[in-house]
Amino acid sequence: MHDPLKARLDKLKKISDSAKRRANLYSDVANMDGSHTARSLGALQKASAPGKKLQKIGFLMLWVPEPTGVTCAIGGPMILAGRYLDKKYNGATIHDVGHTTKNTFSSISDFKNSVM
């Protein structure tokens, strides 16, 4: 006979073990020394977007009124450089990769369901 309480207890033990392993992994990662490691892990969580920043500064310089027009001459190329960096620079984070993977899996399962 199948005991539902025993099954529930086994499930809770597995969840507890998983949480302990995850906590140990996170604490081990936090204890890593080295500035290069810390910088790499930070880049995985939050990627910088230099193209967006350059575009914003370019637009500000373009719209700032100035009698000599130097800011207008500098603002346009900054906007173009920012757009180029947006196309060439990959600012994806772990969250973006997970989101894209989830969308891919859902579209694959939708295709599989439509075929079957």
C-alpha atoms as a PDB file:
ATOM      1  CA  MET A   1       0.000   0.000   0.000  1.00  0.00           C
ATOM      2  CA  HIS A   2       1.182   3.531  -0.829  1.00  0.00           C
ATOM      3  CA  ASP A   3       1.530   5.869   2.135  1.00  0.00           C
ATOM      4  CA  PRO A   4       0.916   9.519   1.068  1.00  0.00           C
ATOM      5  CA  LEU A   5       2.598  10.931   4.191  1.00  0.00           C
ATOM      6  CA  LYS A   6       5.767   8.964   3.515  1.00  0.00           C
ATOM      7  CA  ALA A   7       5.792  10.139  -0.101  1.00  0.00           C
ATOM      8  CA  ARG A   8       5.312  13.737   1.015  1.00  0.00           C
ATOM      9  CA  LEU A   9       8.123  13.361   3.573  1.00  0.00           C
ATOM     10  CA  ASP A  10      10.473  11.991   0.898  1.00  0.00           C
ATOM     11  CA  LYS A  11       9.596  14.917  -1.353  1.00  0.00           C
ATOM     12  CA  LEU A  12      10.314  17.405   1.449  1.00  0.00           C
ATOM     13  CA  LYS A  13      13.673  15.712   2.151  1.00  0.00           C
ATOM     14  CA  LYS A  14      14.640  16.037  -1.515  1.00  0.00           C
ATOM     15  CA  ILE A  15      13.665  19.709  -1.531  1.00  0.00           C
ATOM     16  CA  SER A  16      15.647  20.287   1.670  1.00  0.00           C
ATOM     17  CA  ASP A  17      18.735  18.564   0.245  1.00  0.00           C
ATOM     18  CA  SER A  18      18.461  20.628  -2.936  1.00  0.00           C
ATOM     19  CA  ALA A  19      18.198  23.855  -0.949  1.00  0.00           C
ATOM     20  CA  LYS A  20      21.247  22.907   1.137  1.00  0.00           C
ATOM     21  CA  ARG A  21      23.306  22.135  -1.955  1.00  0.00           C
ATOM     22  CA  ARG A  22      22.263  25.422  -3.552  1.00  0.00           C
ATOM     23  CA  ALA A  23      23.128  27.372  -0.394  1.00  0.00           C
ATOM     24  CA  ASN A  24      26.537  25.681  -0.227  1.00  0.00           C
ATOM     25  CA  LEU A  25      27.170  26.474  -3.882  1.00  0.00           C
ATOM     26  CA  TYR A  26      26.263  30.133  -3.394  1.00  0.00           C
ATOM     27  CA  SER A  27      28.450  30.429  -0.301  1.00  0.00           C
ATOM     28  CA  ASP A  28      31.367  28.801  -2.166  1.00  0.00           C
ATOM     29  CA  VAL A  29      30.948  31.254  -5.037  1.00  0.00           C
ATOM     30  CA  ALA A  30      30.799  34.167  -2.597  1.00  0.00           C
ATOM     31  CA  ASN A  31      34.013  33.011  -0.915  1.00  0.00           C
ATOM     32  CA  MET A  32      36.002  32.976  -4.148  1.00  0.00           C
ATOM     33  CA  ASP A  33      38.891  35.381  -4.050  1.00  0.00           C
ATOM     34  CA  GLY A  34      40.176  37.362  -6.965  1.00  0.00           C
ATOM     35  CA  SER A  35      39.032  40.533  -8.612  1.00  0.00           C
ATOM     36  CA  HIS A  36      38.791  38.882 -12.030  1.00  0.00           C
ATOM     37  CA  THR A  37      36.322  36.298 -10.735  1.00  0.00           C
ATOM     38  CA  ALA A  38      34.221  38.927  -8.997  1.00  0.00           C
ATOM     39  CA  ARG A  39      34.191  41.074 -12.131  1.00  0.00           C
ATOM     40  CA  SER A  40      33.138  38.108 -14.297  1.00  0.00           C
ATOM     41  CA  LEU A  41      30.333  37.120 -11.949  1.00  0.00           C
ATOM     42  CA  GLY A  42      29.148  40.724 -11.812  1.00  0.00           C
ATOM     43  CA  ALA A  43      29.081  40.882 -15.597  1.00  0.00           C
ATOM     44  CA  LEU A  44      26.864  37.789 -15.667  1.00  0.00           C
ATOM     45  CA  GLN A  45      24.330  39.479 -13.405  1.00  0.00           C
ATOM     46  CA  LYS A  46      24.416  42.993 -14.842  1.00  0.00           C
ATOM     47  CA  ALA A  47      25.819  43.788 -18.255  1.00  0.00           C
ATOM     48  CA  SER A  48      26.687  47.330 -19.139  1.00  0.00           C
ATOM     49  CA  ALA A  49      25.219  48.941 -22.226  1.00  0.00           C
ATOM     50  CA  PRO A  50      27.727  51.491 -23.542  1.00  0.00           C
ATOM     51  CA  GLY A  51      25.788  51.993 -26.777  1.00  0.00           C
ATOM     52  CA  LYS A  52      22.656  53.187 -24.970  1.00  0.00           C
ATOM     53  CA  LYS A  53      24.662  55.549 -22.801  1.00  0.00           C
ATOM     54  CA  LEU A  54      26.492  56.958 -25.799  1.00  0.00           C
ATOM     55  CA  GLN A  55      23.196  57.504 -27.636  1.00  0.00           C
ATOM     56  CA  LYS A  56      21.671  59.319 -24.670  1.00  0.00           C
ATOM     57  CA  ILE A  57      24.666  61.602 -24.315  1.00  0.00           C
ATOM     58  CA  GLY A  58      24.622  62.236 -28.075  1.00  0.00           C
ATOM     59  CA  PHE A  59      20.935  63.208 -28.010  1.00  0.00           C
ATOM     60  CA  LEU A  60      21.541  65.520 -25.065  1.00  0.00           C
ATOM     61  CA  MET A  61      24.436  67.196 -26.849  1.00  0.00           C
ATOM     62  CA  LEU A  62      22.421  67.503 -30.030  1.00  0.00           C
ATOM     63  CA  TRP A  63      19.507  69.251 -28.306  1.00  0.00           C
ATOM     64  CA  VAL A  64      21.544  71.546 -26.025  1.00  0.00           C
ATOM     65  CA  PRO A  65      21.397  75.069 -27.409  1.00  0.00           C
ATOM     66  CA  GLU A  66      24.846  76.459 -27.989  1.00  0.00           C
ATOM     67  CA  PRO A  67      25.915  79.411 -30.165  1.00  0.00           C
ATOM     68  CA  THR A  68      28.998  77.788 -31.720  1.00  0.00           C
ATOM     69  CA  GLY A  69      27.317  74.510 -32.729  1.00  0.00           C
ATOM     70  CA  VAL A  70      30.146  72.302 -31.462  1.00  0.00           C
ATOM     71  CA  THR A  71      27.772  70.103 -29.487  1.00  0.00           C
ATOM     72  CA  CYS A  72      25.646  69.531 -32.590  1.00  0.00           C
ATOM     73  CA  ALA A  73      28.735  68.450 -34.514  1.00  0.00           C
ATOM     74  CA  ILE A  74      29.692  66.019 -31.752  1.00  0.00           C
ATOM     75  CA  GLY A  75      26.188  64.786 -30.893  1.00  0.00           C
ATOM     76  CA  GLY A  76      25.390  63.235 -34.291  1.00  0.00           C
ATOM     77  CA  PRO A  77      28.458  60.994 -34.479  1.00  0.00           C
ATOM     78  CA  MET A  78      27.923  59.956 -30.856  1.00  0.00           C
ATOM     79  CA  ILE A  79      24.392  58.798 -31.692  1.00  0.00           C
ATOM     80  CA  LEU A  80      25.669  56.821 -34.684  1.00  0.00           C
ATOM     81  CA  ALA A  81      28.479  55.279 -32.631  1.00  0.00           C
ATOM     82  CA  GLY A  82      25.973  54.285 -29.949  1.00  0.00           C
ATOM     83  CA  ARG A  83      23.750  52.569 -32.504  1.00  0.00           C
ATOM     84  CA  TYR A  84      26.756  50.719 -33.906  1.00  0.00           C
ATOM     85  CA  LEU A  85      27.759  49.540 -30.430  1.00  0.00           C
ATOM     86  CA  ASP A  86      24.197  48.356 -29.766  1.00  0.00           C
ATOM     87  CA  LYS A  87      24.383  46.143 -32.837  1.00  0.00           C
ATOM     88  CA  LYS A  88      27.884  44.779 -32.169  1.00  0.00           C
ATOM     89  CA  TYR A  89      27.991  44.605 -28.364  1.00  0.00           C
ATOM     90  CA  ASN A  90      26.259  41.719 -26.614  1.00  0.00           C
ATOM     91  CA  GLY A  91      24.857  42.945 -23.325  1.00  0.00           C
ATOM     92  CA  ALA A  92      22.996  39.746 -22.458  1.00  0.00           C
ATOM     93  CA  THR A  93      22.852  38.595 -18.844  1.00  0.00           C
ATOM     94  CA  ILE A  94      22.012  35.239 -17.315  1.00  0.00           C
ATOM     95  CA  HIS A  95      18.397  36.387 -16.960  1.00  0.00           C
ATOM     96  CA  ASP A  96      18.185  37.132 -20.684  1.00  0.00           C
ATOM     97  CA  VAL A  97      19.619  33.727 -21.576  1.00  0.00           C
ATOM     98  CA  GLY A  98      17.131  31.975 -19.284  1.00  0.00           C
ATOM     99  CA  HIS A  99      14.230  33.964 -20.715  1.00  0.00           C
ATOM    100  CA  THR A 100      15.244  33.133 -24.289  1.00  0.00           C
ATOM    101  CA  THR A 101      15.685  29.452 -23.409  1.00  0.00           C
ATOM    102  CA  LYS A 102      12.231  29.372 -21.835  1.00  0.00           C
ATOM    103  CA  ASN A 103      10.694  30.934 -24.950  1.00  0.00           C
ATOM    104  CA  THR A 104      12.521  28.436 -27.167  1.00  0.00           C
ATOM    105  CA  PHE A 105      11.312  25.479 -25.133  1.00  0.00           C
ATOM    106  CA  SER A 106       7.728  26.740 -25.199  1.00  0.00           C
ATOM    107  CA  SER A 107       7.828  27.230 -28.968  1.00  0.00           C
ATOM    108  CA  ILE A 108       9.316  23.742 -29.428  1.00  0.00           C
ATOM    109  CA  SER A 109       6.603  22.218 -27.257  1.00  0.00           C
ATOM    110  CA  ASP A 110       3.933  24.176 -29.160  1.00  0.00           C
ATOM    111  CA  PHE A 111       5.328  22.853 -32.439  1.00  0.00           C
ATOM    112  CA  LYS A 112       5.447  19.327 -31.031  1.00  0.00           C
ATOM    113  CA  ASN A 113       1.820  19.556 -29.860  1.00  0.00           C
ATOM    114  CA  SER A 114       0.668  20.869 -33.225  1.00  0.00           C
ATOM    115  CA  VAL A 115       2.387  18.030 -35.079  1.00  0.00           C
ATOM    116  CA  MET A 116       1.075  15.269 -32.836  1.00  0.00           C
END
